[in-house]
Amino acid sequence: MLRSVGMTPRSFNRMIAFESIFYGLKALLWGLPISVLIAWLLYRSSQDVFAFGFALPWKSYVVAVIAVFVIVGATMLYSTVRVKKENIVDVLKRQFV
């Protein structure tokens, strides 16, 4: 619909890129604190049995952050290619019928 009112391909690509960045950041904003809390709770539950200090698996967190952006980016790339292939008039007809 945005393309039908005059959005250029460059501005459409920028919008999709910013949207994918915001989706990834929102997922990490929720996921990282929850995972740290779960890791700490697991540490507290096993503290009586084992004697070790609390340490976060930083490499795993980095891999998870990269994986989130790769998955979100791939999804947005797929949707962008799919939207570019569709005819604007046919999409609008399907939308309002």
Protein backbone atom coordinates (compact mmCIF):
# COMPACT_ATOMS: atom_id res chain seq x y z
CA MET A 1 0.00 0.00 0.00
CA LEU A 2 2.86 2.38 0.74
CA ARG A 3 4.31 1.77 -2.68
CA SER A 4 0.98 2.73 -4.29
CA VAL A 5 1.04 6.20 -2.74
CA GLY A 6 4.50 7.00 -4.03
CA MET A 7 7.05 5.47 -1.68
CA THR A 8 10.28 5.04 -3.59
CA PRO A 9 12.09 1.68 -3.61
CA ARG A 10 14.99 3.22 -1.69
CA SER A 11 12.74 4.56 1.07
CA PHE A 12 10.88 1.24 1.17
CA ASN A 13 14.17 -0.64 1.64
CA ARG A 14 15.23 1.78 4.39
CA MET A 15 11.90 1.33 6.14
CA ILE A 16 12.26 -2.46 6.03
CA ALA A 17 15.85 -2.24 7.30
CA PHE A 18 14.91 -0.03 10.24
CA GLU A 19 11.94 -2.24 11.00
CA SER A 20 14.13 -5.34 11.11
CA ILE A 21 16.64 -3.58 13.39
CA PHE A 22 13.85 -2.56 15.75
CA TYR A 23 12.37 -6.09 15.76
CA GLY A 24 15.77 -7.54 16.61
CA LEU A 25 16.40 -4.98 19.35
CA LYS A 26 12.96 -5.55 20.86
CA ALA A 27 13.53 -9.31 20.91
CA LEU A 28 16.90 -8.83 22.60
CA LEU A 29 15.48 -6.28 25.03
CA TRP A 30 13.12 -8.96 26.33
CA GLY A 31 15.25 -12.06 25.79
CA LEU A 32 18.59 -11.08 27.29
CA PRO A 33 17.35 -9.93 30.73
CA ILE A 34 15.06 -12.95 31.01
CA SER A 35 17.92 -15.31 30.10
CA VAL A 36 20.24 -13.65 32.65
CA LEU A 37 17.54 -14.05 35.30
CA ILE A 38 17.05 -17.73 34.41
CA ALA A 39 20.84 -18.32 34.48
CA TRP A 40 21.04 -16.70 37.91
CA LEU A 41 18.10 -18.76 39.20
CA LEU A 42 19.75 -21.95 37.93
CA TYR A 43 22.96 -20.92 39.68
CA ARG A 44 21.08 -20.28 42.93
CA SER A 45 19.31 -23.64 42.73
CA SER A 46 22.56 -25.55 42.23
CA GLN A 47 24.66 -23.47 44.62
CA ASP A 48 24.06 -25.88 47.52
CA VAL A 49 25.21 -28.91 45.52
CA PHE A 50 28.19 -27.49 43.61
CA ALA A 51 30.79 -24.95 44.67
CA PHE A 52 31.42 -22.56 41.77
CA GLY A 53 30.98 -18.88 41.07
CA PHE A 54 28.32 -17.29 38.92
CA ALA A 55 29.49 -16.54 35.39
CA LEU A 56 27.50 -15.72 32.29
CA PRO A 57 28.27 -17.56 29.04
CA TRP A 58 29.25 -14.44 27.07
CA LYS A 59 30.14 -16.32 23.89
CA SER A 60 26.70 -17.91 23.83
CA TYR A 61 25.07 -14.51 24.27
CA VAL A 62 27.07 -13.09 21.36
CA VAL A 63 26.08 -16.03 19.18
CA ALA A 64 22.44 -15.55 20.19
CA VAL A 65 22.52 -11.83 19.34
CA ILE A 66 24.05 -12.55 15.94
CA ALA A 67 21.52 -15.33 15.31
CA VAL A 68 18.60 -13.04 16.16
CA PHE A 69 19.74 -10.43 13.64
CA VAL A 70 20.49 -13.06 10.97
CA ILE A 71 17.04 -14.64 11.34
CA VAL A 72 15.21 -11.29 11.42
CA GLY A 73 17.28 -10.02 8.49
CA ALA A 74 16.62 -13.13 6.42
CA THR A 75 12.90 -12.90 7.13
CA MET A 76 12.79 -9.25 6.12
CA LEU A 77 14.84 -9.95 2.99
CA TYR A 78 12.39 -12.67 1.99
CA SER A 79 9.41 -10.39 2.56
CA THR A 80 11.05 -7.55 0.62
CA VAL A 81 11.71 -9.80 -2.39
CA ARG A 82 8.14 -11.09 -2.21
CA VAL A 83 6.64 -7.58 -2.04
CA LYS A 84 8.76 -6.38 -4.97
CA LYS A 85 7.49 -9.22 -7.16
CA GLU A 86 3.82 -8.41 -6.59
CA ASN A 87 1.82 -6.06 -8.78
CA ILE A 88 0.58 -3.01 -6.85
CA VAL A 89 -2.87 -2.98 -8.47
CA ASP A 90 -3.52 -6.68 -7.80
CA VAL A 91 -2.47 -6.31 -4.15
CA LEU A 92 -4.81 -3.35 -3.65
CA LYS A 93 -7.68 -5.25 -5.30
CA ARG A 94 -7.15 -8.21 -2.97
CA GLN A 95 -6.85 -5.93 0.03
CA PHE A 96 -10.18 -4.18 -0.44
CA VAL A 97 -12.32 -6.97 -1.88
